[in-house]
């Protein structure tokens, strides 16, 4: 399964992350498929650079963002959580 996640490249006490598409079995800062952007949390406000076209491509292919990346993508307007297939308590049949 492909995940869109953070890849840490910053030094000690200077975090800087790349947003990448990677196989879910790869280590955090290991092999990845494609670089999709960057995230600098130290900036005020945090600086985010994204390749919108490629992010949309990977999301359309079924890639799932991690929770942190999901928050970043929502703030930038590139991601909306899929609707749940669970019918909810009012739609479930009672026994």
PDB file of N, CA and C in Angstrom:
ATOM      1  N   UNK A   1       0.836  -1.170   0.000  1.00  0.00           N
ATOM      2  CA  UNK A   1       0.000   0.000   0.000  1.00  0.00           C
ATOM      3  C   UNK A   1       0.890   1.245   0.000  1.00  0.00           C
ATOM      4  N   UNK A   2       0.493   2.228  -0.782  1.00  0.00           N
ATOM      5  CA  UNK A   2       1.248   3.473  -0.866  1.00  0.00           C
ATOM      6  C   UNK A   2       0.686   4.468   0.140  1.00  0.00           C
ATOM      7  N   UNK A   3       1.587   5.117   0.862  1.00  0.00           N
ATOM      8  CA  UNK A   3       1.206   6.143   1.831  1.00  0.00           C
ATOM      9  C   UNK A   3       1.871   7.452   1.441  1.00  0.00           C
ATOM     10  N   UNK A   4       1.197   8.548   1.723  1.00  0.00           N
ATOM     11  CA  UNK A   4       1.798   9.871   1.581  1.00  0.00           C
ATOM     12  C   UNK A   4       2.201  10.264   2.991  1.00  0.00           C
ATOM     13  N   UNK A   5       3.512  10.435   3.212  1.00  0.00           N
ATOM     14  CA  UNK A   5       3.994  10.671   4.573  1.00  0.00           C
ATOM     15  C   UNK A   5       5.186  11.598   4.606  1.00  0.00           C
ATOM     16  N   UNK A   6       5.639  11.895   5.826  1.00  0.00           N
ATOM     17  CA  UNK A   6       6.772  12.794   6.018  1.00  0.00           C
ATOM     18  C   UNK A   6       8.080  12.008   6.024  1.00  0.00           C
ATOM     19  N   UNK A   7       9.115  12.624   5.478  1.00  0.00           N
ATOM     20  CA  UNK A   7      10.468  12.056   5.402  1.00  0.00           C
ATOM     21  C   UNK A   7      11.384  13.098   6.025  1.00  0.00           C
ATOM     22  N   UNK A   8      11.938  12.814   7.190  1.00  0.00           N
ATOM     23  CA  UNK A   8      12.733  13.805   7.896  1.00  0.00           C
ATOM     24  C   UNK A   8      14.124  13.941   7.299  1.00  0.00           C
ATOM     25  N   UNK A   9      14.523  15.202   7.029  1.00  0.00           N
ATOM     26  CA  UNK A   9      15.852  15.458   6.485  1.00  0.00           C
ATOM     27  C   UNK A   9      16.606  16.499   7.289  1.00  0.00           C
ATOM     28  N   UNK A  10      15.993  17.154   8.247  1.00  0.00           N
ATOM     29  CA  UNK A  10      16.644  18.215   9.024  1.00  0.00           C
ATOM     30  C   UNK A  10      17.625  17.671  10.039  1.00  0.00           C
ATOM     31  N   UNK A  11      18.455  18.562  10.548  1.00  0.00           N
ATOM     32  CA  UNK A  11      19.435  18.185  11.554  1.00  0.00           C
ATOM     33  C   UNK A  11      18.849  18.182  12.951  1.00  0.00           C
ATOM     34  N   UNK A  12      19.719  17.974  13.923  1.00  0.00           N
ATOM     35  CA  UNK A  12      19.302  17.942  15.314  1.00  0.00           C
ATOM     36  C   UNK A  12      18.719  19.304  15.706  1.00  0.00           C
ATOM     37  N   UNK A  13      17.540  19.315  16.282  1.00  0.00           N
ATOM     38  CA  UNK A  13      16.811  20.511  16.706  1.00  0.00           C
ATOM     39  C   UNK A  13      16.404  21.418  15.551  1.00  0.00           C
ATOM     40  N   UNK A  14      16.546  20.953  14.308  1.00  0.00           N
ATOM     41  CA  UNK A  14      16.151  21.728  13.127  1.00  0.00           C
ATOM     42  C   UNK A  14      15.347  20.837  12.185  1.00  0.00           C
ATOM     43  N   UNK A  15      14.133  20.479  12.593  1.00  0.00           N
ATOM     44  CA  UNK A  15      13.366  19.561  11.743  1.00  0.00           C
ATOM     45  C   UNK A  15      12.969  20.193  10.420  1.00  0.00           C
ATOM     46  N   UNK A  16      13.050  19.413   9.378  1.00  0.00           N
ATOM     47  CA  UNK A  16      12.590  19.786   8.048  1.00  0.00           C
ATOM     48  C   UNK A  16      12.139  18.485   7.402  1.00  0.00           C
ATOM     49  N   UNK A  17      11.004  18.512   6.761  1.00  0.00           N
ATOM     50  CA  UNK A  17      10.443  17.284   6.223  1.00  0.00           C
ATOM     51  C   UNK A  17      10.144  17.414   4.742  1.00  0.00           C
ATOM     52  N   UNK A  18      10.283  16.302   4.038  1.00  0.00           N
ATOM     53  CA  UNK A  18       9.802  16.192   2.668  1.00  0.00           C
ATOM     54  C   UNK A  18       8.508  15.402   2.732  1.00  0.00           C
ATOM     55  N   UNK A  19       7.562  15.770   1.916  1.00  0.00           N
ATOM     56  CA  UNK A  19       6.326  15.007   1.806  1.00  0.00           C
ATOM     57  C   UNK A  19       6.516  14.077   0.614  1.00  0.00           C
ATOM     58  N   UNK A  20       6.420  12.768   0.873  1.00  0.00           N
ATOM     59  CA  UNK A  20       6.726  11.779  -0.157  1.00  0.00           C
ATOM     60  C   UNK A  20       5.630  10.723  -0.273  1.00  0.00           C
ATOM     61  N   UNK A  21       5.588  10.074  -1.418  1.00  0.00           N
ATOM     62  CA  UNK A  21       4.775   8.876  -1.612  1.00  0.00           C
ATOM     63  C   UNK A  21       5.724   7.698  -1.415  1.00  0.00           C
ATOM     64  N   UNK A  22       5.383   6.820  -0.486  1.00  0.00           N
ATOM     65  CA  UNK A  22       6.273   5.702  -0.169  1.00  0.00           C
ATOM     66  C   UNK A  22       5.461   4.446   0.121  1.00  0.00           C
ATOM     67  N   UNK A  23       6.089   3.307  -0.073  1.00  0.00           N
ATOM     68  CA  UNK A  23       5.479   2.044   0.302  1.00  0.00           C
ATOM     69  C   UNK A  23       5.350   2.030   1.822  1.00  0.00           C
ATOM     70  N   UNK A  24       4.243   1.537   2.334  1.00  0.00           N
ATOM     71  CA  UNK A  24       4.008   1.562   3.776  1.00  0.00           C
ATOM     72  C   UNK A  24       5.003   0.706   4.555  1.00  0.00           C
ATOM     73  N   UNK A  25       5.677  -0.226   3.891  1.00  0.00           N
ATOM     74  CA  UNK A  25       6.646  -1.091   4.564  1.00  0.00           C
ATOM     75  C   UNK A  25       8.040  -0.475   4.668  1.00  0.00           C
ATOM     76  N   UNK A  26       8.279   0.635   3.977  1.00  0.00           N
ATOM     77  CA  UNK A  26       9.584   1.297   4.005  1.00  0.00           C
ATOM     78  C   UNK A  26       9.766   2.058   5.310  1.00  0.00           C
ATOM     79  N   UNK A  27      11.007   2.196   5.802  1.00  0.00           N
ATOM     80  CA  UNK A  27      11.245   2.981   7.012  1.00  0.00           C
ATOM     81  C   UNK A  27      10.946   4.463   6.795  1.00  0.00           C
ATOM     82  N   UNK A  28      10.759   5.211   7.891  1.00  0.00           N
ATOM     83  CA  UNK A  28      10.376   6.618   7.830  1.00  0.00           C
ATOM     84  C   UNK A  28      11.261   7.438   6.911  1.00  0.00           C
ATOM     85  N   UNK A  29      12.554   7.322   7.066  1.00  0.00           N
ATOM     86  CA  UNK A  29      13.477   8.087   6.231  1.00  0.00           C
ATOM     87  C   UNK A  29      14.209   7.173   5.262  1.00  0.00           C
ATOM     88  N   UNK A  30      13.494   6.185   4.759  1.00  0.00           N
ATOM     89  CA  UNK A  30      14.079   5.224   3.829  1.00  0.00           C
ATOM     90  C   UNK A  30      13.635   5.482   2.408  1.00  0.00           C
ATOM     91  N   UNK A  31      13.492   4.410   1.694  1.00  0.00           N
ATOM     92  CA  UNK A  31      13.156   4.477   0.274  1.00  0.00           C
ATOM     93  C   UNK A  31      11.758   5.059   0.055  1.00  0.00           C
ATOM     94  N   UNK A  32      11.630   5.891  -0.977  1.00  0.00           N
ATOM     95  CA  UNK A  32      10.327   6.436  -1.325  1.00  0.00           C
ATOM     96  C   UNK A  32      10.150   6.407  -2.837  1.00  0.00           C
ATOM     97  N   UNK A  33       8.917   6.576  -3.289  1.00  0.00           N
ATOM     98  CA  UNK A  33       8.594   6.493  -4.710  1.00  0.00           C
ATOM     99  C   UNK A  33       8.763   7.844  -5.390  1.00  0.00           C
ATOM    100  N   UNK A  34       8.183   8.896  -4.774  1.00  0.00           N
ATOM    101  CA  UNK A  34       8.209  10.215  -5.391  1.00  0.00           C
ATOM    102  C   UNK A  34       8.139  11.306  -4.334  1.00  0.00           C
ATOM    103  N   UNK A  35       8.843  12.393  -4.569  1.00  0.00           N
ATOM    104  CA  UNK A  35       8.812  13.553  -3.688  1.00  0.00           C
ATOM    105  C   UNK A  35       7.655  14.464  -4.113  1.00  0.00           C
ATOM    106  N   UNK A  36       6.780  14.801  -3.157  1.00  0.00           N
ATOM    107  CA  UNK A  36       5.573  15.555  -3.468  1.00  0.00           C
ATOM    108  C   UNK A  36       5.575  16.966  -2.891  1.00  0.00           C
ATOM    109  N   UNK A  37       6.541  17.297  -2.068  1.00  0.00           N
ATOM    110  CA  UNK A  37       6.587  18.632  -1.494  1.00  0.00           C
ATOM    111  C   UNK A  37       7.491  18.675  -0.279  1.00  0.00           C
ATOM    112  N   UNK A  38       7.365  19.766   0.483  1.00  0.00           N
ATOM    113  CA  UNK A  38       8.167  19.910   1.693  1.00  0.00           C
ATOM    114  C   UNK A  38       7.361  20.622   2.769  1.00  0.00           C
ATOM    115  N   UNK A  39       7.814  20.460   4.016  1.00  0.00           N
ATOM    116  CA  UNK A  39       7.147  21.040   5.177  1.00  0.00           C
ATOM    117  C   UNK A  39       8.213  21.501   6.158  1.00  0.00           C
ATOM    118  N   UNK A  40       8.181  22.792   6.484  1.00  0.00           N
ATOM    119  CA  UNK A  40       9.124  23.374   7.446  1.00  0.00           C
ATOM    120  C   UNK A  40       8.332  23.874   8.652  1.00  0.00           C
ATOM    121  N   UNK A  41       8.287  23.088   9.736  1.00  0.00           N
ATOM    122  CA  UNK A  41       7.486  23.474  10.897  1.00  0.00           C
ATOM    123  C   UNK A  41       8.088  24.620  11.708  1.00  0.00           C
ATOM    124  N   UNK A  42       9.356  24.945  11.512  1.00  0.00           N
ATOM    125  CA  UNK A  42      10.021  25.993  12.294  1.00  0.00           C
ATOM    126  C   UNK A  42       9.662  27.399  11.826  1.00  0.00           C
ATOM    127  N   UNK A  43       9.190  27.541  10.608  1.00  0.00           N
ATOM    128  CA  UNK A  43       8.810  28.852  10.106  1.00  0.00           C
ATOM    129  C   UNK A  43       7.609  29.402  10.872  1.00  0.00           C
ATOM    130  N   UNK A  44       7.411  30.714  10.800  1.00  0.00           N
ATOM    131  CA  UNK A  44       6.274  31.304  11.492  1.00  0.00           C
ATOM    132  C   UNK A  44       5.476  32.121  10.492  1.00  0.00           C
ATOM    133  N   UNK A  45       4.420  31.622   9.892  1.00  0.00           N
ATOM    134  CA  UNK A  45       3.807  30.302  10.072  1.00  0.00           C
ATOM    135  C   UNK A  45       4.599  29.206   9.357  1.00  0.00           C
ATOM    136  N   UNK A  46       4.240  27.968   9.649  1.00  0.00           N
ATOM    137  CA  UNK A  46       4.932  26.832   9.033  1.00  0.00           C
ATOM    138  C   UNK A  46       4.848  26.940   7.515  1.00  0.00           C
ATOM    139  N   UNK A  47       5.958  26.650   6.845  1.00  0.00           N
ATOM    140  CA  UNK A  47       6.020  26.778   5.384  1.00  0.00           C
ATOM    141  C   UNK A  47       5.748  25.426   4.733  1.00  0.00           C
ATOM    142  N   UNK A  48       4.802  25.414   3.789  1.00  0.00           N
ATOM    143  CA  UNK A  48       4.433  24.193   3.088  1.00  0.00           C
ATOM    144  C   UNK A  48       4.529  24.452   1.587  1.00  0.00           C
ATOM    145  N   UNK A  49       5.234  23.570   0.874  1.00  0.00           N
ATOM    146  CA  UNK A  49       5.325  23.630  -0.584  1.00  0.00           C
ATOM    147  C   UNK A  49       4.845  22.280  -1.093  1.00  0.00           C
ATOM    148  N   UNK A  50       3.846  22.298  -2.000  1.00  0.00           N
ATOM    149  CA  UNK A  50       3.259  21.053  -2.499  1.00  0.00           C
ATOM    150  C   UNK A  50       3.207  21.032  -4.020  1.00  0.00           C
ATOM    151  N   UNK A  51       3.333  19.824  -4.577  1.00  0.00           N
ATOM    152  CA  UNK A  51       3.109  19.601  -6.009  1.00  0.00           C
ATOM    153  C   UNK A  51       1.665  19.101  -6.129  1.00  0.00           C
ATOM    154  N   UNK A  52       0.740  20.044  -6.329  1.00  0.00           N
ATOM    155  CA  UNK A  52      -0.687  19.744  -6.292  1.00  0.00           C
ATOM    156  C   UNK A  52      -1.097  18.660  -7.283  1.00  0.00           C
ATOM    157  N   UNK A  53      -0.602  18.756  -8.496  1.00  0.00           N
ATOM    158  CA  UNK A  53      -0.964  17.793  -9.543  1.00  0.00           C
ATOM    159  C   UNK A  53      -0.593  16.370  -9.141  1.00  0.00           C
ATOM    160  N   UNK A  54       0.608  16.191  -8.613  1.00  0.00           N
ATOM    161  CA  UNK A  54       1.074  14.854  -8.240  1.00  0.00           C
ATOM    162  C   UNK A  54       0.361  14.326  -6.988  1.00  0.00           C
ATOM    163  N   UNK A  55       0.036  15.214  -6.059  1.00  0.00           N
ATOM    164  CA  UNK A  55      -0.702  14.783  -4.868  1.00  0.00           C
ATOM    165  C   UNK A  55      -2.080  14.282  -5.278  1.00  0.00           C
ATOM    166  N   UNK A  56      -2.758  15.026  -6.149  1.00  0.00           N
ATOM    167  CA  UNK A  56      -4.068  14.581  -6.641  1.00  0.00           C
ATOM    168  C   UNK A  56      -3.955  13.243  -7.363  1.00  0.00           C
ATOM    169  N   UNK A  57      -2.882  13.058  -8.128  1.00  0.00           N
ATOM    170  CA  UNK A  57      -2.654  11.794  -8.831  1.00  0.00           C
ATOM    171  C   UNK A  57      -2.567  10.635  -7.839  1.00  0.00           C
ATOM    172  N   UNK A  58      -1.742  10.783  -6.812  1.00  0.00           N
ATOM    173  CA  UNK A  58      -1.548   9.698  -5.859  1.00  0.00           C
ATOM    174  C   UNK A  58      -2.808   9.429  -5.041  1.00  0.00           C
ATOM    175  N   UNK A  59      -3.540  10.480  -4.677  1.00  0.00           N
ATOM    176  CA  UNK A  59      -4.792  10.273  -3.953  1.00  0.00           C
ATOM    177  C   UNK A  59      -5.806   9.540  -4.827  1.00  0.00           C
ATOM    178  N   UNK A  60      -5.841   9.859  -6.117  1.00  0.00           N
ATOM    179  CA  UNK A  60      -6.739   9.177  -7.054  1.00  0.00           C
ATOM    180  C   UNK A  60      -6.348   7.710  -7.225  1.00  0.00           C
ATOM    181  N   UNK A  61      -5.063   7.396  -7.071  1.00  0.00           N
ATOM    182  CA  UNK A  61      -4.583   6.021  -7.196  1.00  0.00           C
ATOM    183  C   UNK A  61      -4.823   5.211  -5.930  1.00  0.00           C
ATOM    184  N   UNK A  62      -5.312   5.856  -4.867  1.00  0.00           N
ATOM    185  CA  UNK A  62      -5.624   5.133  -3.631  1.00  0.00           C
ATOM    186  C   UNK A  62      -4.597   5.283  -2.532  1.00  0.00           C
ATOM    187  N   UNK A  63      -3.631   6.169  -2.692  1.00  0.00           N
ATOM    188  CA  UNK A  63      -2.638   6.387  -1.639  1.00  0.00           C
ATOM    189  C   UNK A  63      -3.320   7.036  -0.438  1.00  0.00           C
ATOM    190  N   UNK A  64      -2.946   6.611   0.753  1.00  0.00           N
ATOM    191  CA  UNK A  64      -3.518   7.162   1.974  1.00  0.00           C
ATOM    192  C   UNK A  64      -2.518   8.055   2.680  1.00  0.00           C
ATOM    193  N   UNK A  65      -2.902   9.269   3.049  1.00  0.00           N
ATOM    194  CA  UNK A  65      -1.992  10.122   3.806  1.00  0.00           C
ATOM    195  C   UNK A  65      -1.967   9.710   5.272  1.00  0.00           C
ATOM    196  N   UNK A  66      -0.825   9.906   5.929  1.00  0.00           N
ATOM    197  CA  UNK A  66      -0.757   9.694   7.366  1.00  0.00           C
ATOM    198  C   UNK A  66      -1.545  10.804   8.041  1.00  0.00           C
ATOM    199  N   UNK A  67      -1.794  10.687   9.346  1.00  0.00           N
ATOM    200  CA  UNK A  67      -2.599  11.687  10.053  1.00  0.00           C
ATOM    201  C   UNK A  67      -1.989  13.075   9.950  1.00  0.00           C
ATOM    202  N   UNK A  68      -0.687  13.181  10.129  1.00  0.00           N
ATOM    203  CA  UNK A  68      -0.018  14.480  10.071  1.00  0.00           C
ATOM    204  C   UNK A  68      -0.107  15.083   8.677  1.00  0.00           C
ATOM    205  N   UNK A  69       0.144  14.294   7.667  1.00  0.00           N
ATOM    206  CA  UNK A  69       0.073  14.783   6.291  1.00  0.00           C
ATOM    207  C   UNK A  69      -1.377  15.130   5.939  1.00  0.00           C
ATOM    208  N   UNK A  70      -2.324  14.367   6.453  1.00  0.00           N
ATOM    209  CA  UNK A  70      -3.737  14.666   6.207  1.00  0.00           C
ATOM    210  C   UNK A  70      -4.091  16.058   6.730  1.00  0.00           C
ATOM    211  N   UNK A  71      -3.603  16.406   7.915  1.00  0.00           N
ATOM    212  CA  UNK A  71      -3.852  17.733   8.484  1.00  0.00           C
ATOM    213  C   UNK A  71      -3.227  18.814   7.601  1.00  0.00           C
ATOM    214  N   UNK A  72      -2.011  18.592   7.148  1.00  0.00           N
ATOM    215  CA  UNK A  72      -1.331  19.560   6.276  1.00  0.00           C
ATOM    216  C   UNK A  72      -2.112  19.737   4.976  1.00  0.00           C
ATOM    217  N   UNK A  73      -2.530  18.636   4.362  1.00  0.00           N
ATOM    218  CA  UNK A  73      -3.259  18.711   3.099  1.00  0.00           C
ATOM    219  C   UNK A  73      -4.619  19.382   3.268  1.00  0.00           C
ATOM    220  N   UNK A  74      -5.287  19.137   4.379  1.00  0.00           N
ATOM    221  CA  UNK A  74      -6.572  19.803   4.632  1.00  0.00           C
ATOM    222  C   UNK A  74      -6.402  21.303   4.757  1.00  0.00           C
ATOM    223  N   UNK A  75      -5.374  21.732   5.487  1.00  0.00           N
ATOM    224  CA  UNK A  75      -5.128  23.169   5.644  1.00  0.00           C
ATOM    225  C   UNK A  75      -4.838  23.835   4.309  1.00  0.00           C
ATOM    226  N   UNK A  76      -4.194  23.117   3.416  1.00  0.00           N
ATOM    227  CA  UNK A  76      -3.860  23.657   2.100  1.00  0.00           C
ATOM    228  C   UNK A  76      -4.996  23.470   1.091  1.00  0.00           C
ATOM    229  N   UNK A  77      -6.022  22.696   1.464  1.00  0.00           N
ATOM    230  CA  UNK A  77      -7.191  22.523   0.607  1.00  0.00           C
ATOM    231  C   UNK A  77      -7.084  21.433  -0.439  1.00  0.00           C
ATOM    232  N   UNK A  78      -6.208  20.453  -0.242  1.00  0.00           N
ATOM    233  CA  UNK A  78      -6.026  19.390  -1.225  1.00  0.00           C
ATOM    234  C   UNK A  78      -6.670  18.075  -0.846  1.00  0.00           C
ATOM    235  N   UNK A  79      -7.227  17.978   0.356  1.00  0.00           N
ATOM    236  CA  UNK A  79      -7.730  16.686   0.803  1.00  0.00           C
ATOM    237  C   UNK A  79      -8.987  16.861   1.632  1.00  0.00           C
ATOM    238  N   UNK A  80      -9.955  16.012   1.352  1.00  0.00           N
ATOM    239  CA  UNK A  80     -11.153  15.929   2.163  1.00  0.00           C
ATOM    240  C   UNK A  80     -11.321  14.465   2.530  1.00  0.00           C
ATOM    241  N   UNK A  81     -11.550  14.181   3.803  1.00  0.00           N
ATOM    242  CA  UNK A  81     -11.670  12.806   4.257  1.00  0.00           C
ATOM    243  C   UNK A  81     -12.830  12.111   3.538  1.00  0.00           C
ATOM    244  N   UNK A  82     -12.601  10.886   3.035  1.00  0.00           N
ATOM    245  CA  UNK A  82     -13.679  10.170   2.345  1.00  0.00           C
ATOM    246  C   UNK A  82     -14.861   9.930   3.284  1.00  0.00           C
ATOM    247  N   UNK A  83     -16.055   9.938   2.717  1.00  0.00           N
ATOM    248  CA  UNK A  83     -17.254   9.672   3.505  1.00  0.00           C
ATOM    249  C   UNK A  83     -17.212   8.240   4.023  1.00  0.00           C
ATOM    250  N   UNK A  84     -17.675   8.047   5.238  1.00  0.00           N
ATOM    251  CA  UNK A  84     -17.694   6.730   5.851  1.00  0.00           C
ATOM    252  C   UNK A  84     -18.752   5.852   5.191  1.00  0.00           C
ATOM    253  N   UNK A  85     -18.465   4.565   5.056  1.00  0.00           N
ATOM    254  CA  UNK A  85     -19.447   3.635   4.499  1.00  0.00           C
ATOM    255  C   UNK A  85     -20.326   3.059   5.602  1.00  0.00           C
ATOM    256  N   UNK A  86     -19.991   3.340   6.871  1.00  0.00           N
ATOM    257  CA  UNK A  86     -20.791   2.889   7.997  1.00  0.00           C
ATOM    258  C   UNK A  86     -22.109   3.672   8.010  1.00  0.00           C
ATOM    259  N   UNK A  87     -23.261   2.992   8.007  1.00  0.00           N
ATOM    260  CA  UNK A  87     -24.525   3.707   7.936  1.00  0.00           C
ATOM    261  C   UNK A  87     -24.865   4.506   9.191  1.00  0.00           C
ATOM    262  N   UNK A  88     -24.161   4.310  10.274  1.00  0.00           N
ATOM    263  CA  UNK A  88     -24.439   5.063  11.489  1.00  0.00           C
ATOM    264  C   UNK A  88     -25.471   4.357  12.360  1.00  0.00           C
ATOM    265  N   UNK A  89     -25.626   4.816  13.589  1.00  0.00           N
ATOM    266  CA  UNK A  89     -26.523   4.113  14.525  1.00  0.00           C
ATOM    267  C   UNK A  89     -27.993   4.173  14.102  1.00  0.00           C
ATOM    268  N   UNK A  90     -28.439   5.257  13.475  1.00  0.00           N
ATOM    269  CA  UNK A  90     -29.850   5.361  13.111  1.00  0.00           C
ATOM    270  C   UNK A  90     -30.217   4.473  11.922  1.00  0.00           C
ATOM    271  N   UNK A  91     -29.246   4.051  11.132  1.00  0.00           N
ATOM    272  CA  UNK A  91     -29.528   3.246   9.947  1.00  0.00           C
ATOM    273  C   UNK A  91     -29.305   1.758  10.183  1.00  0.00           C
ATOM    274  N   UNK A  92     -28.641   1.374  11.284  1.00  0.00           N
ATOM    275  CA  UNK A  92     -28.382  -0.040  11.548  1.00  0.00           C
ATOM    276  C   UNK A  92     -29.658  -0.728  11.975  1.00  0.00           C
ATOM    277  N   UNK A  93     -29.763  -1.993  11.602  1.00  0.00           N
ATOM    278  CA  UNK A  93     -30.938  -2.774  11.993  1.00  0.00           C
ATOM    279  C   UNK A  93     -30.825  -3.171  13.446  1.00  0.00           C
ATOM    280  N   UNK A  94     -31.899  -3.074  14.175  1.00  0.00           N
ATOM    281  CA  UNK A  94     -31.903  -3.506  15.575  1.00  0.00           C
ATOM    282  C   UNK A  94     -32.219  -4.997  15.631  1.00  0.00           C
ATOM    283  N   UNK A  95     -31.683  -5.665  16.637  1.00  0.00           N
ATOM    284  CA  UNK A  95     -31.877  -7.123  16.771  1.00  0.00           C
ATOM    285  C   UNK A  95     -33.026  -7.421  17.686  1.00  0.00           C
TER     286      UNK A  95
END
